[in-house]
Protein backbone atom coordinates (compact mmCIF):
# COMPACT_ATOMS: atom_id res chain seq x y z
CA SER A 1 51.44 -60.71 -40.63
CA ALA A 2 52.13 -63.26 -37.94
CA SER A 3 53.49 -66.65 -38.90
CA ILE A 4 51.73 -69.88 -37.96
CA PRO A 5 53.59 -71.67 -35.12
CA THR A 6 55.08 -75.10 -35.63
CA PHE A 7 54.22 -78.09 -33.44
CA GLY A 8 57.40 -77.48 -31.41
CA ASN A 9 56.43 -73.84 -30.85
CA ARG A 10 52.93 -74.85 -29.72
CA LEU A 11 54.30 -77.50 -27.40
CA ALA A 12 56.76 -75.02 -25.84
CA ALA A 13 53.92 -72.49 -25.39
CA GLN A 14 51.68 -75.16 -23.80
CA VAL A 15 54.45 -76.16 -21.35
CA ALA A 16 55.13 -72.52 -20.42
CA ILE A 17 51.43 -71.86 -19.85
CA ASN A 18 50.94 -75.06 -17.84
CA LEU A 19 53.74 -74.01 -15.48
CA ARG A 20 52.05 -70.66 -14.77
CA ARG A 21 48.31 -71.36 -14.97
CA PRO A 22 46.18 -71.68 -11.86
CA VAL A 23 45.56 -75.30 -10.89
CA THR A 24 41.81 -74.90 -11.43
CA HIS A 25 42.19 -73.71 -15.05
CA MET A 26 42.65 -75.73 -18.22
CA ILE A 27 44.29 -73.96 -21.13
CA THR A 28 44.95 -75.56 -24.48
CA VAL A 29 47.27 -74.24 -27.16
CA SER A 30 46.14 -75.26 -30.63
CA ALA A 31 47.26 -74.68 -34.19
CA VAL A 32 45.60 -72.36 -36.64
CA PHE A 33 44.99 -73.20 -40.27
CA LYS A 34 45.16 -70.78 -43.17
CA GLU A 35 41.87 -70.49 -45.02
CA GLU A 36 42.22 -68.86 -48.41
CA ILE A 37 39.33 -66.60 -49.28
CA ALA A 38 38.68 -66.55 -53.04
CA ALA A 39 36.86 -63.73 -54.81
CA THR A 40 35.51 -63.02 -58.28
CA ILE A 41 35.56 -59.29 -58.97
CA GLU A 42 35.00 -56.99 -61.92
CA LEU A 43 36.70 -53.65 -61.43
CA ASP A 44 34.97 -50.54 -62.76
CA PRO A 45 32.36 -52.33 -64.84
CA GLY A 46 31.42 -50.36 -67.94
CA SER A 47 34.63 -48.31 -67.87
CA THR A 48 37.61 -48.68 -70.13
CA GLY A 49 41.15 -48.75 -68.81
CA ALA A 50 40.20 -48.64 -65.11
CA ASP A 51 41.03 -52.32 -64.45
CA THR A 52 44.79 -52.10 -63.93
CA LEU A 53 47.35 -54.30 -62.21
CA ALA A 54 47.94 -51.53 -59.62
CA ARG A 55 44.24 -51.43 -58.81
CA ARG A 56 44.08 -55.22 -58.51
CA GLU A 57 47.07 -55.19 -56.14
CA ALA A 58 45.41 -52.44 -54.10
CA VAL A 59 42.24 -54.56 -53.76
CA ALA A 60 44.30 -57.54 -52.63
CA ALA A 61 46.17 -55.36 -50.09
CA GLU A 62 42.89 -53.94 -48.68
CA LEU A 63 41.42 -57.41 -48.28
CA ALA A 64 44.62 -58.70 -46.64
CA ALA A 65 44.48 -55.78 -44.19
CA LEU A 66 40.82 -56.53 -43.42
CA TYR A 67 41.53 -60.21 -42.76
CA ASP A 68 44.52 -59.39 -40.56
CA ARG A 69 42.55 -56.78 -38.63
CA ARG A 70 39.56 -59.07 -38.03
CA ALA A 71 41.39 -62.39 -37.45
CA GLY A 72 41.21 -62.05 -33.65
CA ASP A 73 37.55 -60.95 -33.44
CA ARG A 74 36.02 -64.29 -32.49
CA ASP A 75 32.70 -65.19 -30.88
CA ALA A 76 32.45 -67.32 -27.73
CA ALA A 77 32.86 -70.53 -29.77
CA GLY A 78 35.97 -69.14 -31.45
CA ASP A 79 34.32 -68.64 -34.84
CA LEU A 80 34.94 -65.55 -36.97
CA VAL A 81 32.25 -63.82 -38.99
CA ILE A 82 33.23 -61.06 -41.44
CA ILE A 83 30.16 -59.28 -42.69
CA ASN A 84 29.85 -58.94 -46.46
CA SER A 85 29.67 -55.13 -46.21
CA GLU A 86 33.12 -55.14 -44.58
CA VAL A 87 34.52 -56.98 -47.59
CA ARG A 88 32.80 -54.60 -49.98
CA ASN A 89 34.08 -51.56 -48.05
CA ALA A 90 37.65 -52.91 -48.25
CA ILE A 91 37.36 -53.41 -52.03
CA GLY A 92 35.75 -49.99 -52.37
CA ARG A 93 38.76 -48.32 -50.77
CA ALA A 94 40.82 -49.51 -53.73
CA ALA A 95 38.29 -49.35 -56.55
CA ASP A 96 35.74 -46.63 -57.23
CA ALA A 97 33.29 -49.04 -58.83
CA PHE A 98 33.27 -52.82 -58.82
CA THR A 99 31.07 -55.88 -58.95
CA LEU A 100 31.72 -58.70 -56.47
CA THR A 101 30.15 -61.77 -58.12
CA SER A 102 31.49 -64.51 -55.83
CA LEU A 103 33.00 -64.54 -52.38
CA ASN A 104 34.64 -67.78 -51.26
CA GLY A 105 32.65 -69.74 -53.82
CA ASP A 106 29.18 -68.49 -52.85
CA GLY A 107 28.35 -67.69 -56.48
CA THR A 108 26.58 -64.45 -55.54
CA GLY A 109 29.10 -62.21 -53.80
CA LEU A 110 26.47 -61.58 -51.12
CA SER A 111 27.45 -64.03 -48.34
CA ASN A 112 29.19 -63.24 -45.10
CA LEU A 113 32.45 -65.04 -44.42
CA THR A 114 32.27 -67.53 -41.55
CA LEU A 115 35.42 -69.26 -40.42
CA ASP A 116 35.62 -72.00 -37.83
CA ALA A 117 37.76 -71.67 -34.72
CA ASN A 118 41.44 -72.12 -35.55
CA ASN A 119 40.99 -70.91 -39.17
CA LEU A 120 42.88 -67.78 -40.17
CA PRO A 121 41.56 -65.86 -43.20
CA ILE A 122 44.10 -65.03 -45.89
CA VAL A 123 43.71 -63.65 -49.41
CA GLY A 124 43.15 -66.50 -51.86
CA ALA A 125 42.78 -66.66 -55.61
CA PHE A 126 41.10 -63.89 -57.54
CA THR A 127 39.13 -64.28 -60.70
CA TRP A 128 39.09 -60.91 -62.46
CA LEU A 129 36.29 -60.29 -64.92
């Protein structure tokens, strides 16, 4: 995934853009902030032996791929909304059955993810049940 630019990198980018932009346009280069997305998940509830480290790692990889893929899909205000079903589909690619009981602290696992402009979603802490 792409790294977050330093202040010096942003300043250099702003200078380069200012030299090339049309006089009537204003363009601002700003920093992004990592926003860790936490999740509480039970893998294969009711089954025995299906909750493995490999499966947990696969869930984390699927969510990381989703967040990377969607990071640039912003609305006119720059905000990012990831629909809950997209999160569930990503988890489902790694786990046949699961229960998502909390997503980013919502306590239900039913909320959409909404990130402000300049916030970049990344995989945060998992609580495995």
